[in-house]
Amino acid sequence: MINLENHFAALGEDFYQLKNPDPVSEPYLVDFEPDVARLLGMDPDAVRNLDFVDYFGGNKILPGSNPLAMAYTGHQFGSYNPRIGDGRAVLLGDVKNPDGDDWEISLKGCGPTRFARGFDGRATLRASIREHLAGEALHGLGVPTTRSLAVVGIRDLIHRETPELAAVLTRVARSHIRFGSFENFHYTNRPTLGKNLANYTIHRHYPQFAKEADKYRLFYRHVILRTARLIAQWQSFGFVHGVMNTDNMSIVGDTFDYGPFGFMDAFNPNFIPNHSDSNGRYSFARQPEIGFWNLQKLGTALGALIDEDAIKQELAGYQPEYNRVYRSIIASKMGIQIADSAFHDLGGALFQLLYSNGADYTNFFRRLGDFPDGNMEPLLAMFENKKEIKDWLAQYRSLLDREDRPPEERRESMNAVNPKFILRNYLAHQALEKAVKEADFSEVVNLRLLLRDPFSDNTELFQNLNLDPERYCADTPRKWIGMQVSCSA
């Protein structure tokens, strides 16, 4: 299998609780990602090992593992919560792969820890599959994210809004340290431990700053920049995290702790995938603002290491970096190379059109690549007022003409950044229904395979799977538009 170490354990038990996963009865494999196995230096055929589901279901401990539940706190929906921590997950350890990259392996849903606050420490099969697919979907889009090695099912029922099947997710991440990890020591007035955590984080994840006199400031700066870039990518693909609490924000700028996330279908800046977010704190439009707010809270937690003026100066770099990356991506999605004020005005007008017509966000940009010489009917059909979109296309044409770029070259570049396939909530829901009600995981596998390469037509894959590609790239049916989910689904 693999041999692990657990470098985080060296920090001491102020940072965690040592805790083995709770054993389960009759574990079974739901799905497995061979590419993640290779990433860890594992033989993908390891899934055939009879011990695989025992290791990744929690019944056996991998060699070298030192399982622990990490301590952290955080701001949840804007309010500080001192009682969080890994209530249902343990960090098994980390492994250095053949390329020299370090990856941490965690089991999520493997029983209660001292941070569980009276809950059962388990995860639903639905939520585990959704996180499994979400990480692979964002990875396929090129967005920094945790990934998933496997989902192992459990025969026992657990109780949420209704009785649910349970599962254990094997999460793979560059780091499991969160903004809330630092808040833990700030709000309990333990600055020495906060400094120890910062030194560990820099040593493990920002080693280029380890010998710099202002290493803490440089570390904070790069967390800010990585977070700004991440959220710019989320916005460009219409991805909404759903629960951007500070305990769900990764210190290395990866998408982390998937809950009730969603990809936007009909363009709506107010889209909220989390049915518990009644005030829309974590809506699509507010994600950039919330990213900044969370970074402010991280700055407060680092106040013993970085002076207040320096924190303000570094935070001032967030918005320009976000704007730079977002502007660049949207220009690429539109096939435009000169991103000047005319482009800015045209983009603003476009989003107003998409919103007023409820046009599918992903498919609009994909179909825009066919302009002006391809089949424009699918794009025009997205708009009720044809004159408005034709007027916009005329302005768009004028921006393309000034660049004098070959249409085929532009179309190819646009298709490389505008996905044909995304993890639409209704497709995930249908896959989950088959998984939960029929123990049929074939649609989970289909989605995972398809989302590996969401920018290509995947003709051979669809032929091999005997699937209709139109089902997976069509606009979301009206009854599913704006679908919301819960943390357990």
Protein backbone atom coordinates (compact mmCIF):
# COMPACT_ATOMS: atom_id res chain seq x y z
CA MET A 1 0.00 0.00 0.00
CA ILE A 2 1.81 3.18 1.21
CA ASN A 3 3.90 4.15 4.21
CA LEU A 4 2.95 7.35 6.00
CA GLU A 5 4.49 9.82 8.38
CA ASN A 6 2.58 12.39 10.40
CA HIS A 7 4.70 15.52 10.67
CA PHE A 8 1.84 17.48 12.22
CA ALA A 9 1.95 15.20 15.27
CA ALA A 10 5.33 16.67 16.23
CA LEU A 11 3.62 19.95 17.18
CA GLY A 12 2.21 18.38 20.34
CA GLU A 13 -1.24 17.63 21.71
CA ASP A 14 -2.26 21.27 22.06
CA PHE A 15 -2.83 21.00 18.32
CA TYR A 16 -4.87 17.80 18.15
CA GLN A 17 -6.35 14.72 19.77
CA LEU A 18 -4.75 11.39 18.99
CA LYS A 19 -7.63 9.28 17.78
CA ASN A 20 -7.91 6.12 15.68
CA PRO A 21 -10.83 5.76 13.28
CA ASP A 22 -13.75 3.83 14.70
CA PRO A 23 -14.13 0.39 13.06
CA VAL A 24 -17.08 -0.23 10.76
CA SER A 25 -18.99 -3.32 9.73
CA GLU A 26 -18.99 -4.63 6.17
CA PRO A 27 -17.23 -1.74 4.41
CA TYR A 28 -17.59 -1.71 0.61
CA LEU A 29 -16.07 0.34 -2.18
CA VAL A 30 -18.31 3.03 -3.71
CA ASP A 31 -15.76 4.66 -6.01
CA PHE A 32 -12.02 5.10 -6.40
CA GLU A 33 -9.86 7.55 -8.39
CA PRO A 34 -6.77 5.83 -9.87
CA ASP A 35 -5.14 9.18 -10.73
CA VAL A 36 -5.12 10.14 -7.05
CA ALA A 37 -3.61 6.77 -6.18
CA ARG A 38 -0.77 7.52 -8.63
CA LEU A 39 -0.43 10.97 -7.09
CA LEU A 40 0.27 9.28 -3.76
CA GLY A 41 2.73 6.81 -5.26
CA MET A 42 0.24 3.95 -4.94
CA ASP A 43 -0.35 1.21 -7.47
CA PRO A 44 -3.88 1.86 -8.83
CA ASP A 45 -4.45 -1.89 -8.70
CA ALA A 46 -4.31 -1.58 -4.91
CA VAL A 47 -8.07 -1.26 -4.98
CA ARG A 48 -8.17 -4.98 -5.70
CA ASN A 49 -6.36 -5.63 -2.43
CA LEU A 50 -8.82 -7.10 0.03
CA ASP A 51 -7.42 -4.78 2.71
CA PHE A 52 -8.14 -1.58 0.72
CA VAL A 53 -11.63 -0.93 2.12
CA ASP A 54 -10.43 -1.79 5.63
CA TYR A 55 -7.59 0.74 5.43
CA PHE A 56 -9.75 3.48 3.95
CA GLY A 57 -12.90 2.63 5.86
CA GLY A 58 -11.10 2.87 9.20
CA ASN A 59 -10.77 -0.78 10.24
CA LYS A 60 -7.00 -0.96 9.76
CA ILE A 61 -4.25 1.61 10.22
CA LEU A 62 -1.82 2.26 7.38
CA PRO A 63 1.86 1.67 8.18
CA GLY A 64 3.46 4.78 9.68
CA SER A 65 0.12 6.45 10.33
CA ASN A 66 -0.46 8.37 13.53
CA PRO A 67 -4.15 9.31 13.30
CA LEU A 68 -5.18 12.57 14.93
CA ALA A 69 -8.10 14.98 14.98
CA MET A 70 -6.91 18.54 14.41
CA ALA A 71 -7.89 21.37 16.76
CA TYR A 72 -9.18 24.61 15.27
CA THR A 73 -11.92 27.19 15.74
CA GLY A 74 -13.35 29.74 13.33
CA HIS A 75 -15.99 32.19 12.23
CA GLN A 76 -19.14 30.44 11.04
CA PHE A 77 -21.65 32.60 9.16
CA GLY A 78 -19.91 35.66 10.58
CA SER A 79 -19.84 34.64 14.25
CA TYR A 80 -16.90 33.18 16.14
CA ASN A 81 -17.34 29.58 17.29
CA PRO A 82 -14.76 28.34 19.81
CA ARG A 83 -15.98 24.73 19.63
CA ILE A 84 -15.22 23.25 16.24
CA GLY A 85 -12.20 21.05 15.42
CA ASP A 86 -12.18 17.77 13.50
CA GLY A 87 -15.34 16.28 14.92
CA ARG A 88 -15.60 13.45 12.40
CA ALA A 89 -12.24 13.30 10.60
CA VAL A 90 -8.72 12.18 11.36
CA LEU A 91 -5.48 13.08 9.65
CA LEU A 92 -3.73 9.77 9.01
CA GLY A 93 -0.47 11.35 7.94
CA ASP A 94 1.44 12.51 4.90
CA VAL A 95 3.35 10.88 2.10
CA LYS A 96 6.01 12.15 -0.29
CA ASN A 97 5.30 10.89 -3.78
CA PRO A 98 7.93 9.89 -6.38
CA ASP A 99 7.96 13.48 -7.72
CA GLY A 100 8.89 14.80 -4.28
CA ASP A 101 5.48 16.34 -3.56
CA ASP A 102 3.94 16.05 -0.10
CA TRP A 103 0.30 15.03 0.27
CA GLU A 104 -1.75 14.61 3.42
CA ILE A 105 -4.36 11.87 3.77
CA SER A 106 -7.43 12.23 5.93
CA LEU A 107 -10.46 10.04 6.60
CA LYS A 108 -13.71 12.00 6.85
CA GLY A 109 -16.68 10.40 8.56
CA CYS A 110 -14.72 7.88 10.62
CA GLY A 111 -16.32 8.37 14.04
CA PRO A 112 -16.57 11.00 16.77
CA THR A 113 -13.63 12.77 18.35
CA ARG A 114 -13.54 15.08 21.36
CA PHE A 115 -14.48 17.90 18.96
CA ALA A 116 -17.71 16.16 17.85
CA ARG A 117 -19.98 18.19 20.19
CA GLY A 118 -22.25 15.20 20.78
CA PHE A 119 -22.67 14.27 17.12
CA ASP A 120 -22.04 10.79 15.73
CA GLY A 121 -18.86 11.62 13.80
CA ARG A 122 -20.13 10.04 10.62
CA ALA A 123 -20.72 11.41 7.11
CA THR A 124 -23.60 10.56 4.82
CA LEU A 125 -23.04 8.59 1.65
CA ARG A 126 -24.63 11.45 -0.31
CA ALA A 127 -22.32 14.13 1.04
CA SER A 128 -19.27 11.91 0.66
CA ILE A 129 -20.02 11.22 -3.00
CA ARG A 130 -20.69 14.92 -3.64
CA GLU A 131 -17.30 15.90 -2.17
CA HIS A 132 -15.62 13.07 -4.07
CA LEU A 133 -17.03 14.35 -7.37
CA ALA A 134 -16.58 18.04 -6.56
CA GLY A 135 -12.86 17.80 -5.93
CA GLU A 136 -12.35 15.91 -9.15
CA ALA A 137 -14.59 18.34 -11.05
CA LEU A 138 -12.62 21.40 -9.92
CA HIS A 139 -9.33 19.61 -10.51
CA GLY A 140 -10.42 18.93 -14.08
CA LEU A 141 -11.14 22.64 -14.49
CA GLY A 142 -7.65 23.50 -13.23
CA VAL A 143 -8.88 25.03 -9.95
CA PRO A 144 -6.73 24.34 -6.84
CA THR A 145 -8.56 21.83 -4.66
CA THR A 146 -8.36 18.94 -2.29
CA ARG A 147 -8.96 15.62 -4.00
CA SER A 148 -10.50 12.29 -3.14
CA LEU A 149 -8.89 8.87 -3.32
CA ALA A 150 -11.99 6.84 -2.50
CA VAL A 151 -15.42 6.63 -0.94
CA VAL A 152 -16.01 3.58 1.24
CA GLY A 153 -19.60 2.81 2.13
CA ILE A 154 -20.87 1.66 5.52
CA ARG A 155 -23.89 -0.58 5.98
CA ASP A 156 -25.17 1.23 9.10
CA LEU A 157 -27.76 4.00 8.92
CA ILE A 158 -27.14 7.37 10.53
CA HIS A 159 -29.73 10.00 11.41
CA ARG A 160 -29.85 13.42 9.77
CA GLU A 161 -33.03 15.07 8.49
CA THR A 162 -34.00 11.48 7.60
CA PRO A 163 -32.14 8.18 8.11
CA GLU A 164 -29.16 8.10 5.74
CA LEU A 165 -26.54 5.64 4.57
CA ALA A 166 -23.05 6.50 5.81
CA ALA A 167 -19.62 6.50 4.19
CA VAL A 168 -15.98 7.38 4.77
CA LEU A 169 -14.25 9.73 2.34
CA THR A 170 -10.49 9.61 1.86
CA ARG A 171 -9.48 13.24 1.34
CA VAL A 172 -6.08 14.11 -0.10
CA ALA A 173 -4.74 17.63 0.40
CA ARG A 174 -1.56 19.63 0.30
CA SER A 175 -2.50 20.84 3.78
CA HIS A 176 -5.34 20.48 6.25
CA ILE A 177 -4.40 23.68 8.10
CA ARG A 178 -7.14 26.31 7.96
CA PHE A 179 -7.51 29.97 8.80
CA GLY A 180 -9.35 28.73 11.89
CA SER A 181 -6.27 26.79 13.02
CA PHE A 182 -4.61 30.13 13.75
CA GLU A 183 -7.77 31.65 15.22
CA ASN A 184 -7.77 28.86 17.79
CA PHE A 185 -4.59 30.10 19.44
CA HIS A 186 -5.36 33.80 19.03
CA TYR A 187 -8.73 33.69 20.77
CA THR A 188 -7.40 31.47 23.58
CA ASN A 189 -4.46 33.85 24.10
CA ARG A 190 -1.73 31.32 23.34
CA PRO A 191 0.56 33.31 21.01
CA THR A 192 3.52 30.96 21.44
CA LEU A 193 1.49 28.08 20.04
CA GLY A 194 0.29 30.31 17.22
CA LYS A 195 3.89 31.11 16.40
CA ASN A 196 4.77 27.41 16.45
CA LEU A 197 1.95 26.73 13.99
CA ALA A 198 3.11 29.56 11.73
CA ASN A 199 6.68 28.24 11.76
CA TYR A 200 5.45 24.74 10.95
CA THR A 201 3.22 26.02 8.12
CA ILE A 202 6.03 28.05 6.61
CA HIS A 203 8.47 25.14 6.88
CA ARG A 204 6.02 22.72 5.26
CA HIS A 205 4.19 24.86 2.74
CA TYR A 206 6.10 28.13 2.24
CA PRO A 207 9.74 27.05 2.68
CA GLN A 208 10.99 29.82 0.38
CA PHE A 209 10.34 32.29 3.21
CA ALA A 210 11.75 30.24 6.10
CA LYS A 211 15.01 32.23 6.37
CA GLU A 212 13.56 35.66 5.64
CA ALA A 213 13.46 38.23 8.45
CA ASP A 214 9.85 39.12 7.61
CA LYS A 215 8.78 35.54 6.93
CA TYR A 216 5.41 35.87 8.69
CA ARG A 217 4.44 38.87 6.59
CA LEU A 218 5.55 37.13 3.39
CA PHE A 219 3.58 34.04 4.41
CA TYR A 220 0.45 36.14 4.99
CA ARG A 221 0.94 37.96 1.69
CA HIS A 222 1.02 34.74 -0.26
CA VAL A 223 -2.05 33.33 1.51
CA ILE A 224 -3.84 36.52 0.46
CA LEU A 225 -2.67 36.23 -3.15
CA ARG A 226 -3.52 32.54 -3.42
CA THR A 227 -6.96 33.11 -1.94
CA ALA A 228 -7.66 35.99 -4.34
CA ARG A 229 -6.66 33.83 -7.32
CA LEU A 230 -8.74 30.90 -6.09
CA ILE A 231 -11.91 32.93 -5.71
CA ALA A 232 -11.36 34.58 -9.10
CA GLN A 233 -11.32 31.07 -10.59
CA TRP A 234 -14.47 30.11 -8.69
CA GLN A 235 -16.27 33.16 -10.07
CA SER A 236 -15.11 32.54 -13.62
CA PHE A 237 -16.52 29.00 -13.63
CA GLY A 238 -19.71 29.88 -11.72
CA PHE A 239 -18.73 27.76 -8.71
CA VAL A 240 -20.24 28.58 -5.32
CA HIS A 241 -18.62 27.00 -2.27
CA GLY A 242 -21.68 27.41 -0.08
CA VAL A 243 -20.00 27.62 3.36
CA MET A 244 -17.02 29.98 3.32
CA ASN A 245 -16.47 29.86 7.07
CA THR A 246 -12.90 30.55 8.20
CA ASP A 247 -12.53 26.93 9.28
CA ASN A 248 -13.23 25.96 5.65
CA MET A 249 -10.50 28.20 4.19
CA SER A 250 -7.23 26.46 3.34
CA ILE A 251 -3.94 28.08 4.31
CA VAL A 252 -2.47 27.05 0.93
CA GLY A 253 -5.29 28.50 -1.18
CA ASP A 254 -7.05 25.30 -2.20
CA THR A 255 -10.80 24.68 -2.36
CA PHE A 256 -11.46 22.95 0.94
CA ASP A 257 -14.25 21.26 2.93
CA TYR A 258 -17.02 20.85 0.39
CA GLY A 259 -20.51 21.05 1.77
CA PRO A 260 -23.62 22.36 0.00
CA PHE A 261 -21.70 23.71 -3.02
CA GLY A 262 -23.12 24.26 -6.48
CA PHE A 263 -22.23 25.24 -10.02
CA MET A 264 -24.43 28.03 -11.30
CA ASP A 265 -26.66 27.09 -14.23
CA ALA A 266 -28.86 30.06 -15.22
CA PHE A 267 -26.75 33.12 -14.52
CA ASN A 268 -27.85 34.65 -11.23
CA PRO A 269 -25.42 36.64 -9.07
CA ASN A 270 -27.65 35.88 -6.06
CA PHE A 271 -27.40 32.11 -6.48
CA ILE A 272 -27.19 30.32 -3.10
CA PRO A 273 -26.68 26.53 -3.23
CA ASN A 274 -26.93 26.08 0.56
CA HIS A 275 -30.55 25.90 1.68
CA SER A 276 -29.47 26.86 5.22
CA ASP A 277 -27.96 30.17 4.07
CA SER A 278 -31.20 32.13 4.39
CA ASN A 279 -29.48 35.54 4.37
CA GLY A 280 -27.33 34.81 1.33
CA ARG A 281 -24.05 35.44 3.10
CA TYR A 282 -22.29 32.96 0.82
CA SER A 283 -24.03 33.73 -2.45
CA PHE A 284 -22.11 33.75 -5.73
CA ALA A 285 -21.81 37.55 -5.82
CA ARG A 286 -20.51 37.82 -2.25
CA GLN A 287 -17.69 35.27 -2.47
CA PRO A 288 -14.95 37.82 -3.31
CA GLU A 289 -16.06 40.04 -0.42
CA ILE A 290 -16.22 37.10 2.00
CA GLY A 291 -12.75 35.98 0.92
CA PHE A 292 -11.43 39.38 1.96
CA TRP A 293 -13.38 39.27 5.24
CA ASN A 294 -11.92 35.88 6.07
CA LEU A 295 -8.41 37.11 5.32
CA GLN A 296 -8.99 40.00 7.71
CA LYS A 297 -9.82 37.46 10.41
CA LEU A 298 -6.65 35.54 9.60
CA GLY A 299 -4.71 38.80 9.86
CA THR A 300 -6.20 39.36 13.31
CA ALA A 301 -5.11 35.87 14.34
CA LEU A 302 -1.57 36.61 13.14
CA GLY A 303 -1.46 39.92 15.02
CA ALA A 304 1.20 38.73 17.44
CA LEU A 305 3.55 38.03 14.51
CA ILE A 306 2.76 40.85 12.07
CA ASP A 307 2.16 44.49 13.03
CA GLU A 308 -1.19 46.08 12.31
CA ASP A 309 0.03 48.44 9.59
CA ALA A 310 1.72 45.59 7.72
CA ILE A 311 -1.50 43.54 7.88
CA LYS A 312 -3.46 46.44 6.36
CA GLN A 313 -0.85 46.94 3.66
CA GLU A 314 -0.92 43.26 2.70
CA LEU A 315 -4.71 43.15 2.67
CA ALA A 316 -4.67 46.05 0.22
CA GLY A 317 -3.17 43.63 -2.30
CA TYR A 318 -6.21 41.34 -2.32
CA GLN A 319 -8.58 43.30 -4.54
CA PRO A 320 -6.02 44.20 -7.25
CA GLU A 321 -4.91 40.56 -7.49
CA TYR A 322 -8.48 39.30 -7.62
CA ASN A 323 -9.35 41.88 -10.31
CA ARG A 324 -6.25 41.05 -12.34
CA VAL A 325 -6.88 37.31 -12.40
CA TYR A 326 -10.64 37.55 -12.89
CA ARG A 327 -10.30 40.06 -15.71
CA SER A 328 -7.72 37.87 -17.42
CA ILE A 329 -9.88 34.75 -17.19
CA ILE A 330 -13.05 36.45 -18.43
CA ALA A 331 -11.12 37.95 -21.35
CA SER A 332 -9.88 34.45 -22.22
CA LYS A 333 -13.40 33.05 -21.94
CA MET A 334 -14.54 35.71 -24.42
CA GLY A 335 -11.57 35.13 -26.71
CA ILE A 336 -10.37 38.71 -26.26
CA GLN A 337 -6.71 39.65 -25.89
CA ILE A 338 -7.01 43.41 -25.36
CA ALA A 339 -8.73 43.69 -21.98
CA ASP A 340 -9.24 47.48 -21.95
CA SER A 341 -12.15 49.70 -20.92
CA ALA A 342 -14.14 48.71 -24.03
CA PHE A 343 -13.83 45.07 -22.98
CA HIS A 344 -14.85 45.99 -19.43
CA ASP A 345 -18.00 47.76 -20.64
CA LEU A 346 -18.88 44.92 -22.99
CA GLY A 347 -18.46 42.37 -20.20
CA GLY A 348 -20.70 44.35 -17.87
CA ALA A 349 -23.40 44.53 -20.52
CA LEU A 350 -23.08 40.79 -21.12
CA PHE A 351 -23.68 39.82 -17.51
CA GLN A 352 -26.76 42.05 -17.42
CA LEU A 353 -28.05 40.22 -20.51
CA LEU A 354 -27.31 36.80 -19.08
CA TYR A 355 -29.10 37.69 -15.84
CA SER A 356 -32.18 39.25 -17.43
CA ASN A 357 -32.60 36.25 -19.76
CA GLY A 358 -31.68 33.52 -17.26
CA ALA A 359 -29.14 32.20 -19.76
CA ASP A 360 -27.03 29.19 -18.87
CA TYR A 361 -23.67 30.59 -17.74
CA THR A 362 -21.45 27.70 -18.81
CA ASN A 363 -23.12 27.00 -22.14
CA PHE A 364 -23.22 30.64 -23.19
CA PHE A 365 -19.43 30.93 -23.16
CA ARG A 366 -18.98 27.55 -24.82
CA ARG A 367 -21.40 28.51 -27.61
CA LEU A 368 -19.84 31.95 -27.98
CA GLY A 369 -16.80 30.21 -29.45
CA ASP A 370 -18.88 29.44 -32.57
CA PHE A 371 -19.30 33.13 -33.33
CA PRO A 372 -19.40 34.38 -36.05
CA ASP A 373 -19.10 31.55 -38.57
CA GLY A 374 -20.51 28.55 -36.71
CA ASN A 375 -24.04 27.51 -35.84
CA MET A 376 -25.37 30.42 -33.81
CA GLU A 377 -28.88 29.10 -33.26
CA PRO A 378 -28.14 27.41 -29.89
CA LEU A 379 -26.67 30.66 -28.55
CA LEU A 380 -29.45 32.89 -29.87
CA ALA A 381 -32.07 30.51 -28.46
CA MET A 382 -30.82 31.34 -24.95
CA PHE A 383 -32.22 34.88 -25.22
CA GLU A 384 -35.82 35.96 -25.33
CA ASN A 385 -34.96 39.36 -26.82
CA LYS A 386 -33.00 38.51 -29.96
CA LYS A 387 -32.34 42.15 -30.83
CA GLU A 388 -30.49 42.72 -27.53
CA ILE A 389 -28.14 39.80 -28.00
CA LYS A 390 -27.57 40.60 -31.67
CA ASP A 391 -26.68 44.18 -30.74
CA TRP A 392 -24.28 42.87 -28.14
CA LEU A 393 -22.72 40.47 -30.64
CA ALA A 394 -22.19 43.37 -33.03
CA GLN A 395 -20.19 45.21 -30.38
CA TYR A 396 -18.35 42.00 -29.59
CA ARG A 397 -17.50 41.61 -33.27
CA SER A 398 -15.92 45.06 -33.30
CA LEU A 399 -13.59 44.06 -30.44
CA LEU A 400 -12.65 40.85 -32.23
CA ASP A 401 -11.99 42.70 -35.50
CA ARG A 402 -9.46 45.05 -33.95
CA GLU A 403 -7.36 42.03 -32.91
CA ASP A 404 -7.43 40.40 -36.34
CA ARG A 405 -7.09 36.92 -34.84
CA PRO A 406 -7.87 33.83 -36.92
CA PRO A 407 -11.34 32.53 -35.87
CA GLU A 408 -10.15 28.92 -35.55
CA GLU A 409 -7.30 29.95 -33.26
CA ARG A 410 -9.70 31.99 -31.12
CA ARG A 411 -12.28 29.18 -30.97
CA GLU A 412 -9.64 26.68 -29.91
CA SER A 413 -8.35 28.96 -27.17
CA MET A 414 -11.90 29.64 -25.93
CA ASN A 415 -12.76 25.95 -25.81
CA ALA A 416 -9.66 25.38 -23.70
CA VAL A 417 -11.02 27.65 -20.95
CA ASN A 418 -14.80 27.26 -21.37
CA PRO A 419 -15.87 23.80 -20.18
CA LYS A 420 -18.42 21.80 -22.10
CA PHE A 421 -19.23 19.80 -18.97
CA ILE A 422 -19.60 20.84 -15.33
CA LEU A 423 -20.91 19.03 -12.26
CA ARG A 424 -24.47 20.28 -12.54
CA ASN A 425 -26.39 19.84 -9.31
CA TYR A 426 -29.23 17.92 -10.92
CA LEU A 427 -26.81 15.45 -12.56
CA ALA A 428 -25.12 14.89 -9.21
CA HIS A 429 -28.54 14.49 -7.60
CA GLN A 430 -29.60 11.84 -10.12
CA ALA A 431 -26.34 9.96 -9.59
CA LEU A 432 -26.90 10.10 -5.82
CA GLU A 433 -30.45 8.80 -6.12
CA LYS A 434 -29.20 5.74 -8.00
CA ALA A 435 -26.40 5.25 -5.50
CA VAL A 436 -28.56 5.55 -2.39
CA LYS A 437 -31.78 3.89 -3.57
CA GLU A 438 -30.38 1.20 -5.85
CA ALA A 439 -26.76 0.76 -4.68
CA ASP A 440 -25.88 1.54 -8.29
CA PHE A 441 -22.71 3.65 -8.47
CA SER A 442 -22.35 3.58 -12.25
CA GLU A 443 -23.48 7.17 -12.71
CA VAL A 444 -21.02 8.34 -10.05
CA VAL A 445 -18.27 6.67 -12.05
CA ASN A 446 -19.57 8.17 -15.31
CA LEU A 447 -19.50 11.70 -13.89
CA ARG A 448 -16.05 11.27 -12.40
CA LEU A 449 -14.62 10.02 -15.70
CA LEU A 450 -16.32 12.75 -17.71
CA LEU A 451 -15.18 15.55 -15.42
CA ARG A 452 -11.53 14.58 -15.73
CA ASP A 453 -11.44 16.48 -19.03
CA PRO A 454 -14.41 18.86 -19.08
CA PHE A 455 -13.12 20.97 -21.98
CA SER A 456 -13.07 18.28 -24.68
CA ASP A 457 -15.94 16.55 -26.46
CA ASN A 458 -14.92 13.20 -24.90
CA THR A 459 -16.29 11.39 -27.94
CA GLU A 460 -14.43 8.15 -27.31
CA LEU A 461 -15.42 8.10 -23.64
CA PHE A 462 -19.10 8.53 -24.44
CA GLN A 463 -18.89 5.77 -27.02
CA ASN A 464 -17.17 3.42 -24.58
CA LEU A 465 -19.74 4.16 -21.87
CA ASN A 466 -22.65 4.10 -24.34
CA LEU A 467 -23.90 7.47 -23.10
CA ASP A 468 -25.58 10.39 -24.82
CA PRO A 469 -23.26 13.43 -24.54
CA GLU A 470 -26.16 15.85 -25.00
CA ARG A 471 -27.60 14.82 -21.65
CA TYR A 472 -24.45 15.95 -19.86
CA CYS A 473 -23.90 19.27 -21.64
CA ALA A 474 -27.48 20.49 -22.08
CA ASP A 475 -28.85 23.50 -20.22
CA THR A 476 -30.20 22.54 -16.82
CA PRO A 477 -33.93 21.68 -17.09
CA ARG A 478 -36.09 24.49 -15.71
CA LYS A 479 -37.33 22.57 -12.66
CA TRP A 480 -33.75 22.04 -11.47
CA ILE A 481 -32.45 25.60 -11.97
CA GLY A 482 -31.08 27.13 -8.77
CA MET A 483 -31.24 23.81 -6.94
CA GLN A 484 -30.24 23.98 -3.26
CA VAL A 485 -28.85 21.21 -1.09
CA SER A 486 -28.14 20.59 2.58
CA CYS A 487 -24.89 19.73 4.32
CA SER A 488 -25.97 16.08 4.46
CA ALA A 489 -26.90 15.84 0.77
